């Protein structure tokens, strides 16, 4: 009997393998989409690294998206700020759809991780 349960497990694992293989490229694609969208839409003010260190960013007081204050926001708070705007940041809900805004959030999180990694290596 144990042989049967092992065999069933192997069949089950093999059946699930395509789902795992699909999930990995999909999340990488989502991050890539988020990065492209960030570069097209957000980098003018926030800079390609999210620092806000651009001429426009300095003029409007763009937030450093890598900073702990920005990184501690929930995904829902980040979504709302992109969708509805806040302070000098205009709302992007009229030009970006939900999936596009959702794709920006993990990329913004990645900017914070890169900043933290750079501080540790310095």
N, C-alpha and C. Protein backbone atom coordinates (compact mmCIF):
# COMPACT_ATOMS: atom_id res chain seq x y z
N UNK A 1 0.79 -1.22 0.00
CA UNK A 1 0.00 0.00 0.00
C UNK A 1 0.83 1.28 0.00
N UNK A 2 1.92 1.40 0.78
CA UNK A 2 2.69 2.63 0.73
C UNK A 2 3.20 2.95 -0.67
N UNK A 3 3.45 1.92 -1.46
CA UNK A 3 3.92 2.14 -2.82
C UNK A 3 2.86 2.88 -3.63
N UNK A 4 1.61 2.56 -3.41
CA UNK A 4 0.52 3.22 -4.14
C UNK A 4 0.46 4.69 -3.76
N UNK A 5 0.56 5.01 -2.47
CA UNK A 5 0.48 6.41 -2.08
C UNK A 5 1.67 7.21 -2.61
N UNK A 6 2.85 6.60 -2.64
CA UNK A 6 4.02 7.29 -3.22
C UNK A 6 3.79 7.52 -4.70
N UNK A 7 3.26 6.50 -5.35
CA UNK A 7 3.00 6.62 -6.78
C UNK A 7 1.98 7.73 -7.05
N UNK A 8 0.93 7.79 -6.22
CA UNK A 8 -0.06 8.85 -6.38
C UNK A 8 0.57 10.22 -6.18
N UNK A 9 1.49 10.31 -5.19
CA UNK A 9 2.16 11.58 -4.95
C UNK A 9 2.98 11.99 -6.16
N UNK A 10 3.70 11.04 -6.73
CA UNK A 10 4.51 11.36 -7.91
C UNK A 10 3.65 11.85 -9.05
N UNK A 11 2.53 11.19 -9.27
CA UNK A 11 1.63 11.61 -10.34
C UNK A 11 1.09 13.00 -10.03
N UNK A 12 0.71 13.24 -8.77
CA UNK A 12 0.20 14.55 -8.39
C UNK A 12 1.23 15.64 -8.56
N UNK A 13 2.48 15.36 -8.16
CA UNK A 13 3.55 16.34 -8.29
C UNK A 13 3.83 16.64 -9.76
N UNK A 14 3.83 15.61 -10.56
CA UNK A 14 4.07 15.81 -12.00
C UNK A 14 2.93 16.61 -12.61
N UNK A 15 1.72 16.35 -12.19
CA UNK A 15 0.57 17.09 -12.71
C UNK A 15 0.64 18.57 -12.33
N UNK A 16 1.20 18.88 -11.14
CA UNK A 16 1.29 20.27 -10.69
C UNK A 16 2.49 21.01 -11.26
N UNK A 17 3.47 20.30 -11.77
CA UNK A 17 4.70 20.93 -12.27
C UNK A 17 4.43 22.04 -13.29
N UNK A 18 3.55 21.83 -14.27
CA UNK A 18 3.31 22.94 -15.22
C UNK A 18 2.78 24.21 -14.55
N UNK A 19 2.01 24.04 -13.47
CA UNK A 19 1.50 25.22 -12.77
C UNK A 19 2.64 26.01 -12.14
N UNK A 20 3.61 25.32 -11.55
CA UNK A 20 4.76 26.00 -10.95
C UNK A 20 5.62 26.66 -12.03
N UNK A 21 5.80 25.97 -13.12
CA UNK A 21 6.60 26.53 -14.21
C UNK A 21 5.93 27.76 -14.80
N UNK A 22 4.61 27.75 -14.86
CA UNK A 22 3.89 28.92 -15.36
C UNK A 22 3.98 30.08 -14.38
N UNK A 23 3.92 29.80 -13.10
CA UNK A 23 3.90 30.85 -12.08
C UNK A 23 5.21 31.62 -12.03
N UNK A 24 6.32 30.96 -12.21
CA UNK A 24 7.61 31.64 -12.12
C UNK A 24 7.79 32.67 -13.23
N UNK A 25 7.63 32.29 -14.50
CA UNK A 25 7.78 33.32 -15.55
C UNK A 25 6.73 34.42 -15.44
N UNK A 26 5.54 34.06 -14.97
CA UNK A 26 4.48 35.05 -14.87
C UNK A 26 4.86 36.14 -13.87
N UNK A 27 5.39 35.76 -12.70
CA UNK A 27 5.76 36.77 -11.71
C UNK A 27 6.94 37.59 -12.21
N UNK A 28 7.88 36.96 -12.90
CA UNK A 28 9.00 37.70 -13.49
C UNK A 28 8.49 38.66 -14.56
N UNK A 29 7.51 38.21 -15.33
CA UNK A 29 6.93 39.08 -16.36
C UNK A 29 6.21 40.25 -15.72
N UNK A 30 5.50 39.99 -14.63
CA UNK A 30 4.80 41.08 -13.94
C UNK A 30 5.78 42.12 -13.43
N UNK A 31 6.92 41.67 -12.88
CA UNK A 31 7.92 42.61 -12.40
C UNK A 31 8.49 43.40 -13.57
N UNK A 32 8.75 42.71 -14.67
CA UNK A 32 9.26 43.38 -15.86
C UNK A 32 8.27 44.42 -16.37
N UNK A 33 6.98 44.06 -16.38
CA UNK A 33 5.94 45.01 -16.79
C UNK A 33 5.92 46.21 -15.84
N UNK A 34 6.04 45.93 -14.54
CA UNK A 34 6.06 47.01 -13.55
C UNK A 34 7.25 47.92 -13.75
N UNK A 35 8.40 47.34 -14.05
CA UNK A 35 9.60 48.15 -14.28
C UNK A 35 9.44 49.02 -15.52
N UNK A 36 8.94 48.45 -16.59
CA UNK A 36 8.74 49.23 -17.82
C UNK A 36 7.75 50.38 -17.59
N UNK A 37 6.67 50.06 -16.90
CA UNK A 37 5.67 51.08 -16.61
C UNK A 37 6.23 52.16 -15.70
N UNK A 38 7.02 51.75 -14.71
CA UNK A 38 7.66 52.71 -13.81
C UNK A 38 8.56 53.65 -14.62
N UNK A 39 9.37 53.08 -15.50
CA UNK A 39 10.28 53.89 -16.31
C UNK A 39 9.53 54.86 -17.20
N UNK A 40 8.38 54.44 -17.72
CA UNK A 40 7.59 55.29 -18.62
C UNK A 40 6.78 56.35 -17.88
N UNK A 41 6.28 56.00 -16.70
CA UNK A 41 5.30 56.85 -16.03
C UNK A 41 5.83 57.56 -14.78
N UNK A 42 6.67 56.88 -14.02
CA UNK A 42 7.04 57.37 -12.69
C UNK A 42 8.44 57.98 -12.62
N UNK A 43 9.35 57.50 -13.47
CA UNK A 43 10.76 57.88 -13.37
C UNK A 43 10.99 59.37 -13.65
N UNK A 44 10.09 60.01 -14.37
CA UNK A 44 10.26 61.44 -14.65
C UNK A 44 10.38 62.24 -13.35
N UNK A 45 9.60 61.84 -12.37
CA UNK A 45 9.62 62.53 -11.08
C UNK A 45 10.44 61.77 -10.04
N UNK A 46 10.21 60.47 -9.95
CA UNK A 46 10.84 59.68 -8.89
C UNK A 46 12.24 59.18 -9.26
N UNK A 47 12.65 59.35 -10.52
CA UNK A 47 13.95 58.87 -10.96
C UNK A 47 13.93 57.38 -11.23
N UNK A 48 14.85 56.90 -12.05
CA UNK A 48 14.87 55.47 -12.38
C UNK A 48 15.13 54.59 -11.16
N UNK A 49 15.77 55.15 -10.15
CA UNK A 49 16.06 54.38 -8.93
C UNK A 49 15.04 54.62 -7.83
N UNK A 50 14.02 55.46 -8.09
CA UNK A 50 12.98 55.75 -7.11
C UNK A 50 13.35 56.80 -6.08
N UNK A 51 14.53 57.42 -6.22
CA UNK A 51 15.03 58.36 -5.22
C UNK A 51 14.32 59.72 -5.21
N UNK A 52 13.68 60.07 -6.33
CA UNK A 52 13.09 61.40 -6.44
C UNK A 52 14.12 62.45 -6.81
N UNK A 53 15.32 62.00 -7.13
CA UNK A 53 16.44 62.90 -7.43
C UNK A 53 16.48 63.23 -8.92
N UNK A 54 15.44 63.92 -9.39
CA UNK A 54 15.38 64.43 -10.76
C UNK A 54 15.01 65.90 -10.68
N UNK A 55 15.19 66.61 -11.76
CA UNK A 55 14.84 68.04 -11.76
C UNK A 55 13.36 68.23 -11.43
N UNK A 56 12.52 67.47 -12.08
CA UNK A 56 11.08 67.58 -11.82
C UNK A 56 10.78 67.11 -10.39
N UNK A 57 11.38 66.00 -10.00
CA UNK A 57 11.16 65.44 -8.67
C UNK A 57 11.52 66.43 -7.57
N UNK A 58 12.66 67.11 -7.74
CA UNK A 58 13.07 68.11 -6.75
C UNK A 58 12.10 69.28 -6.74
N UNK A 59 11.63 69.69 -7.92
CA UNK A 59 10.73 70.84 -8.01
C UNK A 59 9.38 70.57 -7.35
N UNK A 60 8.90 69.33 -7.46
CA UNK A 60 7.58 69.02 -6.91
C UNK A 60 7.64 68.30 -5.55
N UNK A 61 8.85 68.01 -5.10
CA UNK A 61 9.00 67.32 -3.81
C UNK A 61 8.62 65.85 -3.87
N UNK A 62 9.00 65.19 -4.98
CA UNK A 62 8.67 63.77 -5.13
C UNK A 62 9.32 62.96 -4.02
N UNK A 63 8.58 62.02 -3.48
CA UNK A 63 9.06 61.18 -2.38
C UNK A 63 10.10 60.18 -2.87
N UNK A 64 11.02 59.85 -1.99
CA UNK A 64 11.99 58.78 -2.24
C UNK A 64 11.25 57.47 -1.96
N UNK A 65 10.96 56.74 -3.00
CA UNK A 65 10.19 55.51 -2.86
C UNK A 65 10.99 54.39 -2.20
N UNK A 66 12.29 54.58 -2.06
CA UNK A 66 13.15 53.60 -1.41
C UNK A 66 13.17 53.78 0.10
N UNK A 67 12.75 54.94 0.56
CA UNK A 67 12.83 55.30 1.98
C UNK A 67 11.92 54.42 2.82
N UNK A 68 12.31 54.18 4.06
CA UNK A 68 11.49 53.36 4.96
C UNK A 68 10.05 53.86 5.08
N UNK A 69 9.84 55.17 5.06
CA UNK A 69 8.49 55.72 5.17
C UNK A 69 7.62 55.26 4.01
N UNK A 70 8.18 55.22 2.80
CA UNK A 70 7.42 54.77 1.64
C UNK A 70 7.26 53.25 1.65
N UNK A 71 8.30 52.56 2.05
CA UNK A 71 8.27 51.10 2.03
C UNK A 71 7.35 50.51 3.10
N UNK A 72 7.09 51.26 4.16
CA UNK A 72 6.21 50.71 5.21
C UNK A 72 4.72 50.87 4.87
N UNK A 73 4.40 51.59 3.80
CA UNK A 73 3.01 51.70 3.37
C UNK A 73 2.51 50.32 2.94
N UNK A 74 1.24 50.07 3.15
CA UNK A 74 0.66 48.82 2.68
C UNK A 74 0.49 48.88 1.17
N UNK A 75 0.31 47.72 0.57
CA UNK A 75 0.06 47.69 -0.87
C UNK A 75 -1.18 48.50 -1.22
N UNK A 76 -2.20 48.41 -0.37
CA UNK A 76 -3.43 49.17 -0.61
C UNK A 76 -3.18 50.68 -0.56
N UNK A 77 -2.33 51.12 0.36
CA UNK A 77 -2.02 52.56 0.44
C UNK A 77 -1.23 53.02 -0.78
N UNK A 78 -0.29 52.20 -1.23
CA UNK A 78 0.47 52.55 -2.44
C UNK A 78 -0.47 52.61 -3.63
N UNK A 79 -1.33 51.61 -3.73
CA UNK A 79 -2.30 51.58 -4.83
C UNK A 79 -3.13 52.86 -4.84
N UNK A 80 -3.66 53.23 -3.69
CA UNK A 80 -4.51 54.42 -3.58
C UNK A 80 -3.75 55.68 -3.98
N UNK A 81 -2.50 55.79 -3.55
CA UNK A 81 -1.73 56.99 -3.90
C UNK A 81 -1.49 57.07 -5.40
N UNK A 82 -1.22 55.93 -6.03
CA UNK A 82 -1.02 55.95 -7.48
C UNK A 82 -2.36 56.24 -8.17
N UNK A 83 -3.40 55.60 -7.74
CA UNK A 83 -4.72 55.73 -8.35
C UNK A 83 -5.30 57.13 -8.19
N UNK A 84 -5.26 57.65 -6.95
CA UNK A 84 -5.94 58.91 -6.65
C UNK A 84 -5.00 60.11 -6.52
N UNK A 85 -3.70 59.84 -6.45
CA UNK A 85 -2.74 60.92 -6.25
C UNK A 85 -2.68 61.33 -4.79
N UNK A 86 -1.67 62.12 -4.46
CA UNK A 86 -1.53 62.64 -3.09
C UNK A 86 -0.55 63.80 -3.12
N UNK A 87 -0.94 64.89 -2.49
CA UNK A 87 -0.07 66.07 -2.49
C UNK A 87 0.17 66.54 -3.91
N UNK A 88 1.43 66.68 -4.29
CA UNK A 88 1.78 67.12 -5.64
C UNK A 88 1.73 66.00 -6.67
N UNK A 89 1.54 64.77 -6.22
CA UNK A 89 1.48 63.65 -7.17
C UNK A 89 0.08 63.59 -7.78
N UNK A 90 0.03 63.65 -9.10
CA UNK A 90 -1.29 63.59 -9.76
C UNK A 90 -1.86 62.18 -9.72
N UNK A 91 -3.18 62.06 -9.86
CA UNK A 91 -3.79 60.73 -9.93
C UNK A 91 -3.52 60.07 -11.27
N UNK A 92 -3.23 58.77 -11.24
CA UNK A 92 -2.98 58.03 -12.47
C UNK A 92 -4.09 57.02 -12.75
N UNK A 93 -5.14 57.03 -11.92
CA UNK A 93 -6.25 56.09 -12.12
C UNK A 93 -6.96 56.26 -13.44
N UNK A 94 -6.90 57.45 -14.02
CA UNK A 94 -7.55 57.68 -15.31
C UNK A 94 -6.73 57.19 -16.49
N UNK A 95 -5.42 57.01 -16.29
CA UNK A 95 -4.57 56.58 -17.39
C UNK A 95 -4.03 55.15 -17.22
N UNK A 96 -3.99 54.67 -15.99
CA UNK A 96 -3.53 53.31 -15.73
C UNK A 96 -4.68 52.46 -15.24
N UNK A 97 -4.75 51.23 -15.72
CA UNK A 97 -5.80 50.34 -15.22
C UNK A 97 -5.33 49.62 -13.96
N UNK A 98 -6.21 48.86 -13.35
CA UNK A 98 -5.91 48.18 -12.09
C UNK A 98 -4.70 47.26 -12.23
N UNK A 99 -4.63 46.49 -13.28
CA UNK A 99 -3.51 45.56 -13.47
C UNK A 99 -2.19 46.31 -13.59
N UNK A 100 -2.20 47.45 -14.26
CA UNK A 100 -0.98 48.24 -14.40
C UNK A 100 -0.53 48.79 -13.05
N UNK A 101 -1.47 49.33 -12.28
CA UNK A 101 -1.11 49.84 -10.96
C UNK A 101 -0.62 48.70 -10.08
N UNK A 102 -1.31 47.56 -10.14
CA UNK A 102 -0.88 46.39 -9.38
C UNK A 102 0.54 45.97 -9.75
N UNK A 103 0.92 46.10 -11.01
CA UNK A 103 2.26 45.70 -11.44
C UNK A 103 3.34 46.65 -10.93
N UNK A 104 2.96 47.87 -10.61
CA UNK A 104 3.93 48.84 -10.09
C UNK A 104 4.31 48.54 -8.63
N UNK A 105 3.41 48.02 -7.86
CA UNK A 105 3.63 47.83 -6.43
C UNK A 105 4.83 46.92 -6.14
N UNK A 106 4.92 45.72 -6.74
CA UNK A 106 6.10 44.89 -6.44
C UNK A 106 7.40 45.54 -6.92
N UNK A 107 7.33 46.31 -7.99
CA UNK A 107 8.54 46.98 -8.46
C UNK A 107 8.98 48.05 -7.47
N UNK A 108 8.03 48.79 -6.93
CA UNK A 108 8.35 49.80 -5.91
C UNK A 108 8.95 49.12 -4.68
N UNK A 109 8.41 47.97 -4.31
CA UNK A 109 8.98 47.20 -3.19
C UNK A 109 10.42 46.80 -3.49
N UNK A 110 10.67 46.42 -4.72
CA UNK A 110 12.02 46.00 -5.13
C UNK A 110 13.00 47.17 -5.02
N UNK A 111 12.56 48.39 -5.32
CA UNK A 111 13.43 49.55 -5.18
C UNK A 111 13.90 49.71 -3.74
N UNK A 112 13.00 49.47 -2.80
CA UNK A 112 13.35 49.55 -1.38
C UNK A 112 14.35 48.48 -0.99
N UNK A 113 14.18 47.27 -1.53
CA UNK A 113 15.10 46.17 -1.24
C UNK A 113 16.49 46.47 -1.79
N UNK A 114 16.54 47.03 -2.99
CA UNK A 114 17.84 47.38 -3.59
C UNK A 114 18.55 48.42 -2.75
N UNK A 115 17.79 49.41 -2.26
CA UNK A 115 18.36 50.46 -1.42
C UNK A 115 18.92 49.86 -0.14
N UNK A 116 18.16 48.98 0.49
CA UNK A 116 18.62 48.34 1.73
C UNK A 116 19.87 47.50 1.50
N UNK A 117 19.89 46.79 0.37
CA UNK A 117 21.07 45.97 0.04
C UNK A 117 22.30 46.84 -0.21
N UNK A 118 22.10 47.97 -0.87
CA UNK A 118 23.22 48.89 -1.13
C UNK A 118 23.77 49.47 0.17
N UNK A 119 22.90 49.76 1.13
CA UNK A 119 23.35 50.30 2.42
C UNK A 119 24.14 49.26 3.19
N UNK A 120 23.73 47.99 3.11
CA UNK A 120 24.44 46.92 3.82
C UNK A 120 25.83 46.68 3.24
N UNK A 121 25.95 46.80 1.92
CA UNK A 121 27.24 46.54 1.28
C UNK A 121 28.20 47.71 1.37
N UNK A 122 27.70 48.87 1.77
CA UNK A 122 28.58 50.05 1.88
C UNK A 122 29.37 50.06 3.15
